[in-house]
N, C-alpha and C. Protein backbone atom coordinates (compact mmCIF):
# COMPACT_ATOMS: atom_id res chain seq x y z
N MET A 1 -44.36 110.27 126.79
CA MET A 1 -43.16 109.49 126.38
C MET A 1 -41.53 109.83 126.61
N ALA A 2 -40.88 109.04 127.50
CA ALA A 2 -39.67 109.46 127.27
C ALA A 2 -38.69 109.57 126.21
N GLU A 3 -37.89 110.67 126.30
CA GLU A 3 -36.71 111.02 125.12
C GLU A 3 -36.08 109.82 125.13
N ARG A 4 -35.57 109.34 123.80
CA ARG A 4 -34.67 108.38 123.41
C ARG A 4 -33.26 108.70 123.79
N LYS A 5 -32.50 107.68 124.32
CA LYS A 5 -31.39 108.36 124.44
C LYS A 5 -30.25 106.68 124.08
N VAL A 6 -29.44 107.28 123.67
CA VAL A 6 -28.28 106.17 123.17
C VAL A 6 -27.08 106.22 124.45
N LEU A 7 -26.99 104.96 124.30
CA LEU A 7 -25.77 104.97 125.57
C LEU A 7 -24.89 104.15 124.85
N HIS A 8 -23.69 104.53 124.39
CA HIS A 8 -22.55 103.84 123.58
C HIS A 8 -21.56 103.11 124.33
N SER A 9 -21.62 102.69 125.83
CA SER A 9 -20.85 101.91 126.24
C SER A 9 -21.51 100.92 127.68
N TRP A 10 -20.29 100.11 127.89
CA TRP A 10 -20.76 99.52 129.37
C TRP A 10 -21.10 100.21 130.61
N LYS A 11 -20.20 101.11 130.58
CA LYS A 11 -20.17 102.52 131.93
C LYS A 11 -21.45 103.15 131.82
N GLU A 12 -21.77 103.49 130.52
CA GLU A 12 -22.85 104.52 129.81
C GLU A 12 -24.62 104.04 130.43
N ILE A 13 -24.48 102.17 130.07
CA ILE A 13 -25.70 101.64 130.26
C ILE A 13 -25.78 101.63 131.83
N ALA A 14 -24.86 101.13 132.35
CA ALA A 14 -24.75 100.74 134.01
C ALA A 14 -24.70 102.07 134.52
N ASN A 15 -25.03 103.09 134.49
CA ASN A 15 -24.78 104.62 135.05
C ASN A 15 -26.29 104.60 134.86
N TYR A 16 -26.68 104.31 133.54
CA TYR A 16 -28.10 104.66 133.38
C TYR A 16 -29.16 103.73 134.48
N MET A 17 -28.96 102.47 134.60
CA MET A 17 -29.54 101.33 135.48
C MET A 17 -29.17 101.97 136.70
N GLY A 18 -28.19 103.04 136.77
CA GLY A 18 -27.77 102.79 138.48
C GLY A 18 -27.05 101.37 139.04
N LEU A 19 -26.60 100.36 138.15
CA LEU A 19 -26.28 99.60 138.72
C LEU A 19 -24.44 99.29 138.16
N GLY A 20 -23.82 98.24 138.48
CA GLY A 20 -22.62 97.89 137.88
C GLY A 20 -22.30 97.29 136.47
N VAL A 21 -21.32 97.70 135.96
CA VAL A 21 -20.91 97.17 134.63
C VAL A 21 -20.94 95.65 134.74
N ARG A 22 -20.26 95.02 135.78
CA ARG A 22 -20.53 93.41 135.80
C ARG A 22 -21.83 93.10 135.55
N THR A 23 -23.01 93.86 136.35
CA THR A 23 -23.98 93.30 136.88
C THR A 23 -24.89 93.26 135.39
N VAL A 24 -24.72 94.31 135.00
CA VAL A 24 -25.34 94.93 133.52
C VAL A 24 -24.56 93.52 132.34
N GLN A 25 -23.55 93.44 132.27
CA GLN A 25 -23.16 92.35 131.11
C GLN A 25 -23.93 91.12 131.74
N ARG A 26 -23.82 90.85 133.17
CA ARG A 26 -24.36 89.41 133.25
C ARG A 26 -26.21 89.49 133.30
N TYR A 27 -26.63 90.51 132.99
CA TYR A 27 -28.26 90.83 132.71
C TYR A 27 -28.44 90.34 131.81
N GLU A 28 -27.31 91.05 130.64
CA GLU A 28 -27.65 91.11 129.04
C GLU A 28 -26.95 89.37 128.49
N ALA A 29 -26.11 88.81 129.25
CA ALA A 29 -25.81 86.79 128.89
C ALA A 29 -27.08 86.69 129.45
N ASP A 30 -27.71 86.74 130.92
CA ASP A 30 -28.57 85.85 131.47
C ASP A 30 -30.11 86.27 131.49
N SER A 31 -30.35 86.97 130.98
CA SER A 31 -31.59 87.74 131.39
C SER A 31 -32.15 88.56 129.98
N GLY A 32 -31.47 88.40 129.18
CA GLY A 32 -31.96 89.30 127.66
C GLY A 32 -32.02 90.73 127.74
N LEU A 33 -31.30 91.48 128.37
CA LEU A 33 -31.11 92.92 128.85
C LEU A 33 -30.82 93.17 127.25
N PRO A 34 -31.60 94.52 126.51
CA PRO A 34 -31.56 94.39 124.97
C PRO A 34 -30.24 95.43 124.97
N ILE A 35 -29.38 95.03 124.36
CA ILE A 35 -27.69 95.30 124.27
C ILE A 35 -27.50 95.17 122.64
N ARG A 36 -26.91 96.19 121.94
CA ARG A 36 -26.70 96.00 120.44
C ARG A 36 -25.12 95.63 120.70
N ARG A 37 -24.74 95.42 119.30
CA ARG A 37 -23.83 95.60 118.94
C ARG A 37 -23.38 95.62 117.23
N PRO A 38 -22.92 96.68 117.21
CA PRO A 38 -22.88 97.17 115.33
C PRO A 38 -22.19 96.37 114.64
N SER A 39 -21.29 95.50 115.43
CA SER A 39 -20.26 94.55 114.33
C SER A 39 -21.38 93.37 114.35
N GLY A 40 -22.35 93.25 115.63
CA GLY A 40 -22.91 91.90 115.00
C GLY A 40 -22.04 90.65 115.56
N THR A 41 -20.94 91.43 116.29
CA THR A 41 -20.16 89.85 116.96
C THR A 41 -20.22 89.87 118.50
N THR A 42 -20.40 88.82 119.29
CA THR A 42 -19.96 88.77 120.94
C THR A 42 -19.24 89.23 121.51
N ARG A 43 -18.20 89.86 120.86
CA ARG A 43 -17.43 90.74 121.71
C ARG A 43 -17.55 91.75 121.06
N SER A 44 -17.44 93.61 121.36
CA SER A 44 -17.34 94.52 120.33
C SER A 44 -17.89 95.66 121.08
N SER A 45 -18.25 96.86 120.38
CA SER A 45 -18.31 97.41 121.55
C SER A 45 -20.06 97.72 121.28
N VAL A 46 -20.90 98.01 122.22
CA VAL A 46 -22.25 97.97 122.54
C VAL A 46 -22.79 99.74 122.66
N LEU A 47 -24.08 99.46 122.03
CA LEU A 47 -25.02 100.81 122.26
C LEU A 47 -25.91 100.06 122.79
N ALA A 48 -26.84 100.68 123.35
CA ALA A 48 -28.37 100.42 123.94
C ALA A 48 -28.93 101.90 123.98
N PHE A 49 -30.71 101.59 123.91
CA PHE A 49 -31.24 102.58 123.71
C PHE A 49 -32.29 103.02 125.28
N SER A 50 -32.11 103.89 125.53
CA SER A 50 -32.75 104.03 127.25
C SER A 50 -34.05 103.58 126.78
N ASP A 51 -35.16 103.87 126.03
CA ASP A 51 -36.47 103.24 126.03
C ASP A 51 -36.45 101.95 125.97
N GLU A 52 -35.69 101.50 125.32
CA GLU A 52 -35.49 99.86 125.59
C GLU A 52 -35.55 99.01 126.58
N ILE A 53 -33.98 99.89 127.34
CA ILE A 53 -33.87 99.64 128.92
C ILE A 53 -34.70 99.66 129.78
N ASP A 54 -35.88 100.97 129.42
CA ASP A 54 -37.07 101.13 130.67
C ASP A 54 -38.18 100.14 130.11
N ARG A 55 -38.35 99.68 128.91
CA ARG A 55 -39.04 98.86 128.67
C ARG A 55 -38.55 97.39 129.54
N TRP A 56 -37.58 97.03 129.23
CA TRP A 56 -37.07 96.17 129.71
C TRP A 56 -37.15 96.11 131.12
N LEU A 57 -36.91 96.70 131.87
CA LEU A 57 -37.14 96.87 133.46
C LEU A 57 -38.50 97.17 133.97
N SER A 58 -39.66 97.80 133.26
CA SER A 58 -40.41 97.48 133.42
C SER A 58 -41.43 96.01 133.37
N ALA A 59 -40.54 95.70 132.78
CA ALA A 59 -41.43 93.94 131.89
C ALA A 59 -40.84 92.55 133.18
N ALA A 60 -39.26 93.10 134.02
CA ALA A 60 -39.08 92.37 134.85
C ALA A 60 -39.39 91.94 135.50
N PRO A 61 -39.52 90.99 136.38
CA PRO A 61 -40.53 90.84 137.46
C PRO A 61 -39.44 91.57 138.82
N LYS A 62 -40.25 91.29 139.06
CA LYS A 62 -40.07 92.38 140.91
C LYS A 62 -40.48 91.51 142.05
N HIS A 63 -39.24 91.95 143.31
CA HIS A 63 -38.89 90.56 144.41
C HIS A 63 -39.40 92.18 145.19
N SER A 64 -40.10 92.04 146.17
CA SER A 64 -39.90 92.42 147.51
C SER A 64 -38.64 92.26 147.93
N ALA A 65 -38.11 93.39 149.40
CA ALA A 65 -37.06 92.65 150.01
C ALA A 65 -36.85 91.66 151.16
N ALA A 66 -38.33 91.40 151.46
CA ALA A 66 -38.98 90.52 151.97
C ALA A 66 -38.58 89.00 152.00
N VAL A 67 -39.46 89.18 150.18
CA VAL A 67 -39.32 88.02 149.78
C VAL A 67 -37.47 87.47 149.20
N VAL A 68 -36.95 88.75 149.53
CA VAL A 68 -35.53 88.09 149.00
C VAL A 68 -34.87 87.55 150.38
N LYS A 69 -34.64 88.54 151.22
CA LYS A 69 -34.71 87.32 152.64
C LYS A 69 -34.87 86.28 153.26
N GLU A 70 -36.23 86.14 152.60
CA GLU A 70 -36.81 84.33 152.95
C GLU A 70 -35.81 83.92 152.02
N ALA A 71 -36.06 84.38 150.71
CA ALA A 71 -34.96 83.23 150.09
C ALA A 71 -33.60 82.78 150.60
N VAL A 72 -33.18 83.84 150.68
CA VAL A 72 -31.77 83.42 150.83
C VAL A 72 -31.42 83.08 152.30
N PRO A 73 -30.85 81.69 152.64
CA PRO A 73 -30.85 80.96 153.95
C PRO A 73 -30.15 81.76 154.78
N LYS A 74 -30.34 81.91 156.23
CA LYS A 74 -29.23 82.52 157.02
C LYS A 74 -28.52 81.95 157.53
N HIS A 75 -27.29 82.20 157.73
CA HIS A 75 -25.95 81.62 158.47
C HIS A 75 -26.01 81.35 159.79
N ASP A 76 -25.69 80.67 160.51
CA ASP A 76 -25.62 80.61 162.01
C ASP A 76 -23.73 80.62 161.85
N LYS A 77 -22.82 81.42 162.14
CA LYS A 77 -21.51 81.26 162.01
C LYS A 77 -20.72 80.14 163.20
N THR A 78 -22.01 79.60 164.04
CA THR A 78 -21.60 78.80 165.13
C THR A 78 -21.68 77.44 164.70
N GLN A 79 -22.48 77.26 163.54
CA GLN A 79 -22.53 75.68 162.86
C GLN A 79 -21.67 75.80 162.03
N ALA A 80 -21.57 74.24 161.38
CA ALA A 80 -20.95 73.91 160.27
C ALA A 80 -21.43 74.60 158.94
N PRO A 81 -20.78 75.28 158.35
CA PRO A 81 -21.24 75.03 156.97
C PRO A 81 -22.38 74.57 156.32
N ILE A 82 -21.89 73.12 155.97
CA ILE A 82 -23.03 72.30 155.53
C ILE A 82 -23.28 71.37 156.66
N ASP A 83 -24.70 71.25 157.00
CA ASP A 83 -24.95 70.50 158.24
C ASP A 83 -24.71 69.20 157.69
N ASN A 84 -24.44 67.85 158.66
CA ASN A 84 -24.26 66.13 157.92
C ASN A 84 -25.76 65.72 157.27
N ALA A 85 -26.22 66.10 158.70
CA ALA A 85 -28.03 65.26 158.10
C ALA A 85 -28.75 65.98 157.20
N ARG A 86 -28.45 67.44 156.55
CA ARG A 86 -29.23 67.80 155.64
C ARG A 86 -28.27 67.87 154.06
N TYR A 87 -27.34 67.89 154.30
CA TYR A 87 -26.30 67.55 153.04
C TYR A 87 -25.67 66.86 152.66
N PRO A 88 -25.73 65.69 153.01
CA PRO A 88 -24.49 64.35 153.23
C PRO A 88 -24.19 64.00 151.98
N GLU A 89 -24.99 64.47 150.46
CA GLU A 89 -24.32 64.22 149.46
C GLU A 89 -23.16 65.39 149.03
N THR A 90 -23.32 66.27 149.37
CA THR A 90 -22.34 67.60 149.20
C THR A 90 -20.91 67.72 150.14
N ARG A 91 -21.73 67.28 151.37
CA ARG A 91 -20.18 67.12 152.27
C ARG A 91 -19.51 66.08 151.66
N ARG A 92 -19.83 64.22 151.14
CA ARG A 92 -19.07 63.57 151.01
C ARG A 92 -18.61 64.13 149.56
N ARG A 93 -19.24 64.97 148.73
CA ARG A 93 -18.43 65.33 147.38
C ARG A 93 -17.37 66.69 147.96
N ILE A 94 -17.67 67.43 148.98
CA ILE A 94 -16.68 68.32 149.12
C ILE A 94 -15.09 67.55 149.73
N HIS A 95 -15.60 66.70 150.69
CA HIS A 95 -14.24 65.87 151.40
C HIS A 95 -13.75 65.09 150.22
N GLY A 96 -14.51 64.40 149.31
CA GLY A 96 -13.22 64.06 148.22
C GLY A 96 -12.80 64.69 147.03
N LEU A 97 -13.39 66.03 147.05
CA LEU A 97 -12.66 67.23 146.30
C LEU A 97 -11.25 67.45 147.05
N LEU A 98 -11.34 67.90 148.89
CA LEU A 98 -10.18 67.92 149.47
C LEU A 98 -9.44 67.11 149.29
N GLU A 99 -9.40 65.76 149.55
CA GLU A 99 -8.24 64.19 149.59
C GLU A 99 -7.98 64.87 147.84
N ARG A 100 -8.64 65.10 147.04
CA ARG A 100 -7.92 64.79 145.93
C ARG A 100 -6.84 66.33 145.43
N ALA A 101 -7.43 67.44 146.01
CA ALA A 101 -6.67 68.66 146.11
C ALA A 101 -5.24 67.88 146.73
N LYS A 102 -5.53 67.40 147.94
CA LYS A 102 -4.37 67.77 148.97
C LYS A 102 -3.08 66.34 147.85
N GLU A 103 -3.94 65.18 147.29
CA GLU A 103 -2.90 64.31 146.24
C GLU A 103 -2.10 65.18 145.06
N THR A 104 -3.20 65.89 144.84
CA THR A 104 -2.49 66.67 143.57
C THR A 104 -1.74 67.50 143.96
N THR A 105 -1.61 68.41 145.24
CA THR A 105 -0.62 69.00 146.03
C THR A 105 0.60 67.81 146.01
N GLN A 106 0.64 67.06 146.57
CA GLN A 106 1.60 66.10 147.00
C GLN A 106 2.38 65.67 145.63
N ARG A 107 1.73 65.39 144.90
CA ARG A 107 1.96 64.81 143.09
C ARG A 107 3.04 65.81 142.41
N ALA A 108 2.50 67.69 142.67
CA ALA A 108 3.41 68.52 142.26
C ALA A 108 4.32 68.68 142.33
N GLY A 109 4.28 68.54 144.28
CA GLY A 109 5.54 68.47 144.80
C GLY A 109 6.79 67.45 144.50
N VAL A 110 6.52 65.95 144.16
CA VAL A 110 7.31 65.12 143.69
C VAL A 110 7.86 65.99 142.28
N VAL A 111 7.01 66.04 141.51
CA VAL A 111 7.45 66.44 140.06
C VAL A 111 8.45 67.47 140.29
N ARG A 112 7.83 68.70 140.92
CA ARG A 112 9.10 69.70 141.25
C ARG A 112 10.34 69.18 141.26
N ASP A 113 10.79 68.22 142.75
CA ASP A 113 11.88 67.86 143.02
C ASP A 113 12.68 66.93 142.10
N ARG A 114 11.67 66.37 140.95
CA ARG A 114 12.46 65.55 139.93
C ARG A 114 12.58 66.37 138.87
N ALA A 115 12.09 67.96 138.50
CA ALA A 115 12.49 68.33 137.58
C ALA A 115 14.19 69.11 137.94
N ALA A 116 13.89 69.43 138.98
CA ALA A 116 15.19 70.45 139.59
C ALA A 116 16.27 69.23 139.95
N ARG A 117 16.16 67.92 140.18
CA ARG A 117 17.16 66.71 140.24
C ARG A 117 17.67 66.92 138.68
N HIS A 118 16.86 66.52 137.59
CA HIS A 118 16.62 66.68 135.96
C HIS A 118 17.88 67.86 135.63
N SER A 119 17.46 68.95 136.14
CA SER A 119 18.18 69.90 135.84
C SER A 119 19.57 70.08 135.92
N ASP A 120 19.77 69.79 137.60
CA ASP A 120 20.95 69.61 138.25
C ASP A 120 21.86 68.35 137.57
N GLU A 121 21.24 67.57 137.11
CA GLU A 121 22.30 66.56 136.25
C GLU A 121 22.55 66.54 134.67
N VAL A 122 21.91 67.71 134.26
CA VAL A 122 21.73 68.24 132.65
C VAL A 122 23.15 69.30 133.11
N LEU A 123 22.76 70.43 133.87
CA LEU A 123 24.17 71.42 134.43
C LEU A 123 25.37 70.32 134.63
N LYS A 124 25.41 69.24 135.18
CA LYS A 124 26.47 68.10 135.05
C LYS A 124 26.97 67.79 133.91
N LEU A 125 25.89 67.40 133.08
CA LEU A 125 26.11 66.78 131.76
C LEU A 125 27.20 67.81 131.02
N MET A 126 26.21 69.11 130.86
CA MET A 126 26.94 70.25 130.40
C MET A 126 28.74 70.20 130.30
N GLU A 127 28.58 70.38 132.16
CA GLU A 127 30.25 70.63 132.68
C GLU A 127 31.16 69.70 132.28
N ARG A 128 30.56 68.33 132.22
CA ARG A 128 31.89 67.21 131.61
C ARG A 128 31.67 67.62 129.85
N ALA A 129 30.74 67.90 129.23
CA ALA A 129 31.07 67.53 127.82
C ALA A 129 31.77 68.86 127.65
N ARG A 130 31.79 70.13 128.35
CA ARG A 130 32.70 71.03 128.16
C ARG A 130 34.13 70.62 128.57
N ALA A 131 34.41 70.32 129.60
CA ALA A 131 35.80 69.47 130.15
C ALA A 131 36.28 68.51 129.32
N ILE A 132 35.13 67.97 128.74
CA ILE A 132 35.71 66.78 127.41
C ILE A 132 36.28 67.37 126.46
N ARG A 133 35.42 68.85 125.68
CA ARG A 133 36.24 69.18 124.36
C ARG A 133 36.96 69.79 124.79
N LEU A 134 37.72 70.99 125.75
CA LEU A 134 38.51 71.23 126.32
C LEU A 134 39.64 70.32 126.27
N ARG A 135 39.63 69.19 126.83
CA ARG A 135 40.57 68.46 127.15
C ARG A 135 41.38 67.48 125.74
N TYR A 136 39.62 67.45 124.81
CA TYR A 136 40.91 66.75 123.37
C TYR A 136 39.88 67.27 122.13
N PRO A 137 40.47 68.62 122.24
CA PRO A 137 39.46 69.62 120.98
C PRO A 137 39.95 69.22 119.57
N PHE A 138 39.24 68.48 119.02
CA PHE A 138 39.10 67.74 117.55
C PHE A 138 38.46 68.62 116.78
N LYS A 139 39.02 68.67 115.50
CA LYS A 139 39.31 69.71 114.54
C LYS A 139 37.13 69.88 114.28
N HIS A 140 36.58 68.55 114.49
CA HIS A 140 35.23 68.50 113.80
C HIS A 140 34.51 69.04 115.13
N VAL A 141 34.94 69.17 116.05
CA VAL A 141 34.00 70.05 117.28
C VAL A 141 34.28 71.46 117.31
N GLN A 142 35.73 71.91 116.73
CA GLN A 142 36.04 73.10 117.06
C GLN A 142 34.87 73.88 115.88
N ASP A 143 34.60 73.33 115.41
CA ASP A 143 34.17 73.88 113.65
C ASP A 143 32.49 73.96 113.98
N SER A 144 32.31 73.49 114.82
CA SER A 144 30.69 72.79 114.93
C SER A 144 30.43 73.87 116.02
N GLU A 145 29.00 74.13 115.90
CA GLU A 145 28.67 75.20 117.31
C GLU A 145 29.00 74.88 118.44
N PRO A 146 29.31 75.82 119.19
CA PRO A 146 29.69 75.45 120.77
C PRO A 146 28.61 74.75 121.86
N ILE A 147 28.47 74.20 122.73
CA ILE A 147 27.56 74.09 123.74
C ILE A 147 27.62 75.45 124.53
N GLN A 148 25.93 75.63 124.70
CA GLN A 148 26.01 77.11 125.50
C GLN A 148 25.49 76.37 126.78
N ASP A 149 25.38 76.95 127.14
CA ASP A 149 24.70 76.68 128.77
C ASP A 149 24.25 77.73 129.12
N LYS A 150 23.34 77.36 130.28
CA LYS A 150 22.08 78.70 130.49
C LYS A 150 22.36 79.14 132.12
N LYS A 151 23.43 79.37 132.31
CA LYS A 151 23.51 80.24 133.80
C LYS A 151 23.31 81.68 133.84
C-alpha cells in the first residue's frame, strides 16, 4: 500500500498528478476529483490525500489515443470551418450573431459621439456661467460654492 501524502495546494496536487493546475481544478468541478477544503467553503485553501487521488485515477475511465483521435473531428483548412450542408442551423445562428455584433458596434459609436457632444456642451455652459458670474458679481453667488470645472 502506498504511503498517504497530504497535498496542500492546487500546485502540489497538479504536480502529483502530472497535470496543470487549471486541469486539476476542472477535474474537481466536473468529474468529482476528491479535493477537501478545511473551511468548508467553495473558495478557500485546498488539500487532498494522495491515496484518494490514486483511487480516483484508477476508477476514471481510460481512453486510448486511437479512440480519442477518432472522436476528434479532423479539420481541413481548405474547407470552410462549418459546412453549410451539414450544419445549416449553426451557420444561420453564427450569421445572426455577427449581424447583431455589427449593429451593436454601430450603436456604440453613435452613443460615443453623442456623449462627446454633450460633454462639449456642458463645458460651454460652464464657461458661460463663469462669465456671467464674473460680469454680475451678486453677493449670494459669491457666498455659495464656486462652480468647478474638470479640465
